[in-house]
Each structure stands twice: as C-alpha cells, then as structure tokens.
C-alpha cells in the first residue's frame, strides 16, 4: 500500500500540492481491473480527502476530492468526512 501512497503524493506534487498521506483505506481489490482506495492527507493549510483508482498497469487517477481548510476544520471533522465518504462507496 505504501507504493500507492507514494504514487499519489507524486501525482499531487505535480499539481503543486506538497502533502503527506495520513490515512489510506482500501475499498475493493481488483474491481473491474481497478484497485480503489480513499486517502486522507494534509498540507500545511488543508486536509484533503480523495478517492484514488489504480489500474492493473499501475497508472493512478484521483476522483472528486474534498479540500478542507484547517482553519475551519479539525482533524476529527476531516476524519468524520472521510468515514462518511467511505460509507457512501461501500
């Protein structure tokens, strides 16, 4: 799973986000050739919740992310939203 975290961090770095992954939750393994995860990560100013999709060939894509400013949301608020988003996917 660490390789997926690293791929995601590199993908986000390419879009200007320097972040660290805090939580990585695997949803389904090999669902139509795609591994599905939800990640919660942080930058200095925000919490980011993203679904990610990893193809069998190793390519990675992100889905619709939630960006929460730390000035408005605590770690617990962000974690609760992550749990809600995971429940919607199951």
PDB file of N, CA and C in Angstrom:
ATOM      1  N   UNK A   1       0.819  -1.189   0.000  1.00  0.00           N
ATOM      2  CA  UNK A   1       0.000   0.000   0.000  1.00  0.00           C
ATOM      3  C   UNK A   1       0.869   1.261   0.000  1.00  0.00           C
ATOM      4  N   UNK A   2       2.067   1.166   0.540  1.00  0.00           N
ATOM      5  CA  UNK A   2       2.949   2.330   0.572  1.00  0.00           C
ATOM      6  C   UNK A   2       3.283   2.843  -0.817  1.00  0.00           C
ATOM      7  N   UNK A   3       3.405   1.922  -1.793  1.00  0.00           N
ATOM      8  CA  UNK A   3       3.709   2.360  -3.150  1.00  0.00           C
ATOM      9  C   UNK A   3       2.584   3.233  -3.709  1.00  0.00           C
ATOM     10  N   UNK A   4       1.329   2.938  -3.332  1.00  0.00           N
ATOM     11  CA  UNK A   4       0.203   3.743  -3.798  1.00  0.00           C
ATOM     12  C   UNK A   4       0.208   5.125  -3.153  1.00  0.00           C
ATOM     13  N   UNK A   5       0.558   5.169  -1.880  1.00  0.00           N
ATOM     14  CA  UNK A   5       0.681   6.468  -1.200  1.00  0.00           C
ATOM     15  C   UNK A   5       1.736   7.319  -1.897  1.00  0.00           C
ATOM     16  N   UNK A   6       2.865   6.712  -2.213  1.00  0.00           N
ATOM     17  CA  UNK A   6       3.952   7.447  -2.867  1.00  0.00           C
ATOM     18  C   UNK A   6       3.538   7.929  -4.259  1.00  0.00           C
ATOM     19  N   UNK A   7       2.848   7.079  -5.014  1.00  0.00           N
ATOM     20  CA  UNK A   7       2.376   7.488  -6.344  1.00  0.00           C
ATOM     21  C   UNK A   7       1.414   8.665  -6.231  1.00  0.00           C
ATOM     22  N   UNK A   8       0.514   8.610  -5.260  1.00  0.00           N
ATOM     23  CA  UNK A   8      -0.445   9.690  -5.057  1.00  0.00           C
ATOM     24  C   UNK A   8       0.284  10.980  -4.677  1.00  0.00           C
ATOM     25  N   UNK A   9       1.235  10.888  -3.765  1.00  0.00           N
ATOM     26  CA  UNK A   9       1.990  12.069  -3.347  1.00  0.00           C
ATOM     27  C   UNK A   9       2.725  12.681  -4.542  1.00  0.00           C
ATOM     28  N   UNK A  10       3.291  11.852  -5.420  1.00  0.00           N
ATOM     29  CA  UNK A  10       3.977  12.369  -6.613  1.00  0.00           C
ATOM     30  C   UNK A  10       2.987  13.022  -7.566  1.00  0.00           C
ATOM     31  N   UNK A  11       1.825  12.378  -7.756  1.00  0.00           N
ATOM     32  CA  UNK A  11       0.793  12.936  -8.623  1.00  0.00           C
ATOM     33  C   UNK A  11       0.353  14.308  -8.124  1.00  0.00           C
ATOM     34  N   UNK A  12       0.109  14.414  -6.825  1.00  0.00           N
ATOM     35  CA  UNK A  12      -0.321  15.686  -6.254  1.00  0.00           C
ATOM     36  C   UNK A  12       0.796  16.725  -6.276  1.00  0.00           C
ATOM     37  N   UNK A  13       2.040  16.295  -6.106  1.00  0.00           N
ATOM     38  CA  UNK A  13       3.170  17.230  -6.180  1.00  0.00           C
ATOM     39  C   UNK A  13       3.251  17.849  -7.571  1.00  0.00           C
ATOM     40  N   UNK A  14       2.926  17.065  -8.585  1.00  0.00           N
ATOM     41  CA  UNK A  14       2.925  17.584  -9.955  1.00  0.00           C
ATOM     42  C   UNK A  14       1.873  18.669 -10.151  1.00  0.00           C
ATOM     43  N   UNK A  15       0.841  18.669  -9.310  1.00  0.00           N
ATOM     44  CA  UNK A  15      -0.192  19.702  -9.403  1.00  0.00           C
ATOM     45  C   UNK A  15       0.011  20.804  -8.355  1.00  0.00           C
ATOM     46  N   UNK A  16       1.188  20.817  -7.728  1.00  0.00           N
ATOM     47  CA  UNK A  16       1.525  21.894  -6.815  1.00  0.00           C
ATOM     48  C   UNK A  16       1.176  21.658  -5.354  1.00  0.00           C
ATOM     49  N   UNK A  17       0.779  20.452  -4.989  1.00  0.00           N
ATOM     50  CA  UNK A  17       0.418  20.148  -3.599  1.00  0.00           C
ATOM     51  C   UNK A  17       1.515  19.307  -2.951  1.00  0.00           C
ATOM     52  N   UNK A  18       2.158  19.867  -1.936  1.00  0.00           N
ATOM     53  CA  UNK A  18       3.139  19.123  -1.149  1.00  0.00           C
ATOM     54  C   UNK A  18       2.406  18.599   0.072  1.00  0.00           C
ATOM     55  N   UNK A  19       2.165  17.282   0.117  1.00  0.00           N
ATOM     56  CA  UNK A  19       1.331  16.734   1.170  1.00  0.00           C
ATOM     57  C   UNK A  19       1.889  15.433   1.703  1.00  0.00           C
ATOM     58  N   UNK A  20       1.328  15.024   2.822  1.00  0.00           N
ATOM     59  CA  UNK A  20       1.634  13.738   3.446  1.00  0.00           C
ATOM     60  C   UNK A  20       0.329  12.977   3.634  1.00  0.00           C
ATOM     61  N   UNK A  21       0.329  11.706   3.257  1.00  0.00           N
ATOM     62  CA  UNK A  21      -0.853  10.864   3.438  1.00  0.00           C
ATOM     63  C   UNK A  21      -0.916  10.423   4.895  1.00  0.00           C
ATOM     64  N   UNK A  22      -2.070  10.604   5.521  1.00  0.00           N
ATOM     65  CA  UNK A  22      -2.272  10.235   6.921  1.00  0.00           C
ATOM     66  C   UNK A  22      -2.997   8.889   7.023  1.00  0.00           C
ATOM     67  N   UNK A  23      -4.078   8.743   6.264  1.00  0.00           N
ATOM     68  CA  UNK A  23      -4.895   7.532   6.313  1.00  0.00           C
ATOM     69  C   UNK A  23      -5.078   7.004   4.896  1.00  0.00           C
ATOM     70  N   UNK A  24      -4.928   5.705   4.730  1.00  0.00           N
ATOM     71  CA  UNK A  24      -5.167   5.058   3.446  1.00  0.00           C
ATOM     72  C   UNK A  24      -6.083   3.870   3.695  1.00  0.00           C
ATOM     73  N   UNK A  25      -7.280   3.917   3.137  1.00  0.00           N
ATOM     74  CA  UNK A  25      -8.262   2.841   3.326  1.00  0.00           C
ATOM     75  C   UNK A  25      -8.566   2.189   1.984  1.00  0.00           C
ATOM     76  N   UNK A  26      -8.269   0.907   1.878  1.00  0.00           N
ATOM     77  CA  UNK A  26      -8.570   0.172   0.648  1.00  0.00           C
ATOM     78  C   UNK A  26     -10.048  -0.166   0.630  1.00  0.00           C
ATOM     79  N   UNK A  27     -10.723   0.065  -0.519  1.00  0.00           N
ATOM     80  CA  UNK A  27     -12.146  -0.230  -0.623  1.00  0.00           C
ATOM     81  C   UNK A  27     -12.396  -1.588  -1.249  1.00  0.00           C
ATOM     82  N   UNK A  28     -11.953  -1.768  -2.463  1.00  0.00           N
ATOM     83  CA  UNK A  28     -12.188  -3.031  -3.162  1.00  0.00           C
ATOM     84  C   UNK A  28     -10.927  -3.395  -3.920  1.00  0.00           C
ATOM     85  N   UNK A  29     -10.646  -4.688  -3.957  1.00  0.00           N
ATOM     86  CA  UNK A  29      -9.475  -5.147  -4.683  1.00  0.00           C
ATOM     87  C   UNK A  29      -9.884  -5.641  -6.058  1.00  0.00           C
ATOM     88  N   UNK A  30      -9.238  -5.090  -7.053  1.00  0.00           N
ATOM     89  CA  UNK A  30      -9.410  -5.518  -8.433  1.00  0.00           C
ATOM     90  C   UNK A  30     -10.874  -5.476  -8.879  1.00  0.00           C
ATOM     91  N   UNK A  31     -11.515  -4.360  -8.655  1.00  0.00           N
ATOM     92  CA  UNK A  31     -12.897  -4.118  -9.065  1.00  0.00           C
ATOM     93  C   UNK A  31     -12.878  -3.693 -10.525  1.00  0.00           C
ATOM     94  N   UNK A  32     -13.183  -4.609 -11.434  1.00  0.00           N
ATOM     95  CA  UNK A  32     -13.081  -4.376 -12.875  1.00  0.00           C
ATOM     96  C   UNK A  32     -11.680  -3.911 -13.266  1.00  0.00           C
ATOM     97  N   UNK A  33     -10.669  -4.544 -12.693  1.00  0.00           N
ATOM     98  CA  UNK A  33      -9.287  -4.212 -13.027  1.00  0.00           C
ATOM     99  C   UNK A  33      -8.752  -2.970 -12.341  1.00  0.00           C
ATOM    100  N   UNK A  34      -9.480  -2.471 -11.349  1.00  0.00           N
ATOM    101  CA  UNK A  34      -9.074  -1.241 -10.661  1.00  0.00           C
ATOM    102  C   UNK A  34      -9.052  -1.481  -9.156  1.00  0.00           C
ATOM    103  N   UNK A  35      -7.964  -1.082  -8.517  1.00  0.00           N
ATOM    104  CA  UNK A  35      -7.908  -1.083  -7.055  1.00  0.00           C
ATOM    105  C   UNK A  35      -8.407   0.283  -6.603  1.00  0.00           C
ATOM    106  N   UNK A  36      -9.270   0.304  -5.593  1.00  0.00           N
ATOM    107  CA  UNK A  36      -9.876   1.555  -5.138  1.00  0.00           C
ATOM    108  C   UNK A  36      -9.502   1.824  -3.687  1.00  0.00           C
ATOM    109  N   UNK A  37      -9.097   3.067  -3.422  1.00  0.00           N
ATOM    110  CA  UNK A  37      -8.691   3.488  -2.086  1.00  0.00           C
ATOM    111  C   UNK A  37      -9.316   4.848  -1.785  1.00  0.00           C
ATOM    112  N   UNK A  38      -9.415   5.166  -0.520  1.00  0.00           N
ATOM    113  CA  UNK A  38      -9.675   6.535  -0.084  1.00  0.00           C
ATOM    114  C   UNK A  38      -8.464   6.957   0.725  1.00  0.00           C
ATOM    115  N   UNK A  39      -7.978   8.156   0.466  1.00  0.00           N
ATOM    116  CA  UNK A  39      -6.834   8.698   1.191  1.00  0.00           C
ATOM    117  C   UNK A  39      -7.231   9.990   1.876  1.00  0.00           C
ATOM    118  N   UNK A  40      -6.711  10.175   3.073  1.00  0.00           N
ATOM    119  CA  UNK A  40      -6.803  11.469   3.734  1.00  0.00           C
ATOM    120  C   UNK A  40      -5.365  11.943   3.900  1.00  0.00           C
ATOM    121  N   UNK A  41      -5.108  13.131   3.438  1.00  0.00           N
ATOM    122  CA  UNK A  41      -3.761  13.680   3.528  1.00  0.00           C
ATOM    123  C   UNK A  41      -3.846  15.106   4.044  1.00  0.00           C
ATOM    124  N   UNK A  42      -2.670  15.663   4.309  1.00  0.00           N
ATOM    125  CA  UNK A  42      -2.653  17.040   4.808  1.00  0.00           C
ATOM    126  C   UNK A  42      -1.519  17.828   4.191  1.00  0.00           C
ATOM    127  N   UNK A  43      -1.777  19.112   4.024  1.00  0.00           N
ATOM    128  CA  UNK A  43      -0.751  20.092   3.693  1.00  0.00           C
ATOM    129  C   UNK A  43      -0.648  20.992   4.917  1.00  0.00           C
ATOM    130  N   UNK A  44       0.111  22.041   4.821  1.00  0.00           N
ATOM    131  CA  UNK A  44       0.207  22.945   5.963  1.00  0.00           C
ATOM    132  C   UNK A  44      -1.110  23.674   6.229  1.00  0.00           C
ATOM    133  N   UNK A  45      -1.968  23.801   5.202  1.00  0.00           N
ATOM    134  CA  UNK A  45      -3.187  24.586   5.350  1.00  0.00           C
ATOM    135  C   UNK A  45      -4.491  23.814   5.226  1.00  0.00           C
ATOM    136  N   UNK A  46      -4.440  22.564   4.751  1.00  0.00           N
ATOM    137  CA  UNK A  46      -5.702  21.877   4.494  1.00  0.00           C
ATOM    138  C   UNK A  46      -5.608  20.369   4.685  1.00  0.00           C
ATOM    139  N   UNK A  47      -6.779  19.784   4.884  1.00  0.00           N
ATOM    140  CA  UNK A  47      -6.967  18.333   4.861  1.00  0.00           C
ATOM    141  C   UNK A  47      -7.523  18.016   3.478  1.00  0.00           C
ATOM    142  N   UNK A  48      -7.076  16.930   2.875  1.00  0.00           N
ATOM    143  CA  UNK A  48      -7.559  16.542   1.553  1.00  0.00           C
ATOM    144  C   UNK A  48      -8.036  15.095   1.613  1.00  0.00           C
ATOM    145  N   UNK A  49      -9.250  14.870   1.127  1.00  0.00           N
ATOM    146  CA  UNK A  49      -9.812  13.526   1.066  1.00  0.00           C
ATOM    147  C   UNK A  49     -10.047  13.208  -0.411  1.00  0.00           C
ATOM    148  N   UNK A  50      -9.435  12.129  -0.871  1.00  0.00           N
ATOM    149  CA  UNK A  50      -9.535  11.750  -2.275  1.00  0.00           C
ATOM    150  C   UNK A  50      -9.804  10.268  -2.437  1.00  0.00           C
ATOM    151  N   UNK A  51     -10.725   9.909  -3.320  1.00  0.00           N
ATOM    152  CA  UNK A  51     -10.738   8.529  -3.774  1.00  0.00           C
ATOM    153  C   UNK A  51      -9.638   8.417  -4.833  1.00  0.00           C
ATOM    154  N   UNK A  52      -8.936   7.296  -4.845  1.00  0.00           N
ATOM    155  CA  UNK A  52      -7.957   7.073  -5.916  1.00  0.00           C
ATOM    156  C   UNK A  52      -8.238   5.720  -6.546  1.00  0.00           C
ATOM    157  N   UNK A  53      -7.900   5.633  -7.812  1.00  0.00           N
ATOM    158  CA  UNK A  53      -8.132   4.437  -8.601  1.00  0.00           C
ATOM    159  C   UNK A  53      -6.814   4.044  -9.247  1.00  0.00           C
ATOM    160  N   UNK A  54      -6.403   2.796  -9.036  1.00  0.00           N
ATOM    161  CA  UNK A  54      -5.131   2.327  -9.566  1.00  0.00           C
ATOM    162  C   UNK A  54      -5.415   1.185 -10.522  1.00  0.00           C
ATOM    163  N   UNK A  55      -5.060   1.406 -11.792  1.00  0.00           N
ATOM    164  CA  UNK A  55      -5.258   0.401 -12.838  1.00  0.00           C
ATOM    165  C   UNK A  55      -4.262  -0.738 -12.650  1.00  0.00           C
ATOM    166  N   UNK A  56      -4.560  -1.871 -13.252  1.00  0.00           N
ATOM    167  CA  UNK A  56      -3.647  -3.009 -13.186  1.00  0.00           C
ATOM    168  C   UNK A  56      -2.273  -2.677 -13.751  1.00  0.00           C
ATOM    169  N   UNK A  57      -2.215  -1.721 -14.689  1.00  0.00           N
ATOM    170  CA  UNK A  57      -0.927  -1.336 -15.274  1.00  0.00           C
ATOM    171  C   UNK A  57      -0.153  -0.355 -14.386  1.00  0.00           C
ATOM    172  N   UNK A  58      -0.717  -0.005 -13.229  1.00  0.00           N
ATOM    173  CA  UNK A  58      -0.030   0.863 -12.281  1.00  0.00           C
ATOM    174  C   UNK A  58      -0.361   2.335 -12.396  1.00  0.00           C
ATOM    175  N   UNK A  59      -1.138   2.730 -13.418  1.00  0.00           N
ATOM    176  CA  UNK A  59      -1.497   4.147 -13.531  1.00  0.00           C
ATOM    177  C   UNK A  59      -2.475   4.512 -12.427  1.00  0.00           C
ATOM    178  N   UNK A  60      -2.456   5.764 -12.041  1.00  0.00           N
ATOM    179  CA  UNK A  60      -3.261   6.232 -10.910  1.00  0.00           C
ATOM    180  C   UNK A  60      -4.096   7.434 -11.328  1.00  0.00           C
ATOM    181  N   UNK A  61      -5.335   7.472 -10.854  1.00  0.00           N
ATOM    182  CA  UNK A  61      -6.221   8.600 -11.097  1.00  0.00           C
ATOM    183  C   UNK A  61      -6.902   8.960  -9.784  1.00  0.00           C
ATOM    184  N   UNK A  62      -7.252  10.228  -9.648  1.00  0.00           N
ATOM    185  CA  UNK A  62      -7.994  10.651  -8.468  1.00  0.00           C
ATOM    186  C   UNK A  62      -9.433  10.947  -8.871  1.00  0.00           C
ATOM    187  N   UNK A  63     -10.314  10.791  -7.908  1.00  0.00           N
ATOM    188  CA  UNK A  63     -11.717  11.133  -8.113  1.00  0.00           C
ATOM    189  C   UNK A  63     -12.003  12.503  -7.529  1.00  0.00           C
ATOM    190  N   UNK A  64     -13.251  12.763  -7.243  1.00  0.00           N
ATOM    191  CA  UNK A  64     -13.698  14.047  -6.712  1.00  0.00           C
ATOM    192  C   UNK A  64     -13.198  14.216  -5.272  1.00  0.00           C
ATOM    193  N   UNK A  65     -12.291  15.130  -5.066  1.00  0.00           N
ATOM    194  CA  UNK A  65     -11.702  15.337  -3.748  1.00  0.00           C
ATOM    195  C   UNK A  65     -12.438  16.367  -2.918  1.00  0.00           C
ATOM    196  N   UNK A  66     -12.242  16.266  -1.611  1.00  0.00           N
ATOM    197  CA  UNK A  66     -12.751  17.260  -0.671  1.00  0.00           C
ATOM    198  C   UNK A  66     -11.555  17.975  -0.067  1.00  0.00           C
ATOM    199  N   UNK A  67     -11.557  19.292  -0.131  1.00  0.00           N
ATOM    200  CA  UNK A  67     -10.469  20.110   0.398  1.00  0.00           C
ATOM    201  C   UNK A  67     -11.011  20.923   1.571  1.00  0.00           C
ATOM    202  N   UNK A  68     -10.475  20.690   2.756  1.00  0.00           N
ATOM    203  CA  UNK A  68     -10.982  21.313   3.975  1.00  0.00           C
ATOM    204  C   UNK A  68      -9.888  22.165   4.609  1.00  0.00           C
ATOM    205  N   UNK A  69     -10.127  23.447   4.746  1.00  0.00           N
ATOM    206  CA  UNK A  69      -9.138  24.314   5.368  1.00  0.00           C
ATOM    207  C   UNK A  69      -9.002  24.001   6.853  1.00  0.00           C
ATOM    208  N   UNK A  70      -7.768  23.896   7.306  1.00  0.00           N
ATOM    209  CA  UNK A  70      -7.518  23.584   8.718  1.00  0.00           C
ATOM    210  C   UNK A  70      -8.033  24.680   9.636  1.00  0.00           C
ATOM    211  N   UNK A  71      -8.104  25.888   9.133  1.00  0.00           N
ATOM    212  CA  UNK A  71      -8.609  26.986   9.961  1.00  0.00           C
ATOM    213  C   UNK A  71     -10.103  26.817  10.260  1.00  0.00           C
ATOM    214  N   UNK A  72     -10.800  26.002   9.461  1.00  0.00           N
ATOM    215  CA  UNK A  72     -12.233  25.798   9.643  1.00  0.00           C
ATOM    216  C   UNK A  72     -12.600  24.388  10.099  1.00  0.00           C
ATOM    217  N   UNK A  73     -11.693  23.426   9.916  1.00  0.00           N
ATOM    218  CA  UNK A  73     -11.992  22.023  10.205  1.00  0.00           C
ATOM    219  C   UNK A  73     -10.869  21.380  11.006  1.00  0.00           C
ATOM    220  N   UNK A  74     -11.240  20.676  12.053  1.00  0.00           N
ATOM    221  CA  UNK A  74     -10.258  19.948  12.853  1.00  0.00           C
ATOM    222  C   UNK A  74      -9.931  18.616  12.177  1.00  0.00           C
ATOM    223  N   UNK A  75      -8.920  17.946  12.691  1.00  0.00           N
ATOM    224  CA  UNK A  75      -8.573  16.607  12.223  1.00  0.00           C
ATOM    225  C   UNK A  75      -9.780  15.680  12.370  1.00  0.00           C
ATOM    226  N   UNK A  76     -10.462  15.769  13.498  1.00  0.00           N
ATOM    227  CA  UNK A  76     -11.623  14.913  13.736  1.00  0.00           C
ATOM    228  C   UNK A  76     -12.739  15.172  12.728  1.00  0.00           C
ATOM    229  N   UNK A  77     -12.995  16.448  12.382  1.00  0.00           N
ATOM    230  CA  UNK A  77     -14.001  16.765  11.361  1.00  0.00           C
ATOM    231  C   UNK A  77     -13.637  16.132  10.028  1.00  0.00           C
ATOM    232  N   UNK A  78     -12.368  16.254   9.657  1.00  0.00           N
ATOM    233  CA  UNK A  78     -11.904  15.696   8.385  1.00  0.00           C
ATOM    234  C   UNK A  78     -12.019  14.173   8.393  1.00  0.00           C
ATOM    235  N   UNK A  79     -11.652  13.562   9.503  1.00  0.00           N
ATOM    236  CA  UNK A  79     -11.739  12.106   9.614  1.00  0.00           C
ATOM    237  C   UNK A  79     -13.199  11.641   9.534  1.00  0.00           C
ATOM    238  N   UNK A  80     -14.115  12.373  10.152  1.00  0.00           N
ATOM    239  CA  UNK A  80     -15.541  12.039  10.075  1.00  0.00           C
ATOM    240  C   UNK A  80     -16.041  12.105   8.629  1.00  0.00           C
ATOM    241  N   UNK A  81     -15.601  13.123   7.881  1.00  0.00           N
ATOM    242  CA  UNK A  81     -15.993  13.231   6.477  1.00  0.00           C
ATOM    243  C   UNK A  81     -15.414  12.063   5.673  1.00  0.00           C
ATOM    244  N   UNK A  82     -14.181  11.679   5.954  1.00  0.00           N
ATOM    245  CA  UNK A  82     -13.575  10.522   5.296  1.00  0.00           C
ATOM    246  C   UNK A  82     -14.432   9.281   5.535  1.00  0.00           C
ATOM    247  N   UNK A  83     -14.852   9.056   6.759  1.00  0.00           N
ATOM    248  CA  UNK A  83     -15.679   7.892   7.108  1.00  0.00           C
ATOM    249  C   UNK A  83     -17.010   7.949   6.344  1.00  0.00           C
ATOM    250  N   UNK A  84     -17.618   9.131   6.281  1.00  0.00           N
ATOM    251  CA  UNK A  84     -18.882   9.285   5.551  1.00  0.00           C
ATOM    252  C   UNK A  84     -18.695   8.967   4.063  1.00  0.00           C
ATOM    253  N   UNK A  85     -17.612   9.462   3.487  1.00  0.00           N
ATOM    254  CA  UNK A  85     -17.371   9.212   2.059  1.00  0.00           C
ATOM    255  C   UNK A  85     -17.127   7.736   1.802  1.00  0.00           C
ATOM    256  N   UNK A  86     -16.430   7.061   2.709  1.00  0.00           N
ATOM    257  CA  UNK A  86     -16.193   5.630   2.558  1.00  0.00           C
ATOM    258  C   UNK A  86     -17.515   4.871   2.642  1.00  0.00           C
ATOM    259  N   UNK A  87     -18.371   5.232   3.601  1.00  0.00           N
ATOM    260  CA  UNK A  87     -19.683   4.575   3.738  1.00  0.00           C
ATOM    261  C   UNK A  87     -20.511   4.706   2.463  1.00  0.00           C
ATOM    262  N   UNK A  88     -20.417   5.842   1.802  1.00  0.00           N
ATOM    263  CA  UNK A  88     -21.170   6.059   0.563  1.00  0.00           C
ATOM    264  C   UNK A  88     -20.673   5.143  -0.556  1.00  0.00           C
ATOM    265  N   UNK A  89     -19.424   4.749  -0.496  1.00  0.00           N
ATOM    266  CA  UNK A  89     -18.841   3.916  -1.551  1.00  0.00           C
ATOM    267  C   UNK A  89     -19.061   2.426  -1.331  1.00  0.00           C
ATOM    268  N   UNK A  90     -19.349   2.041  -0.082  1.00  0.00           N
ATOM    269  CA  UNK A  90     -19.471   0.601   0.217  1.00  0.00           C
ATOM    270  C   UNK A  90     -20.837   0.083  -0.167  1.00  0.00           C
TER     271      UNK A  90
END
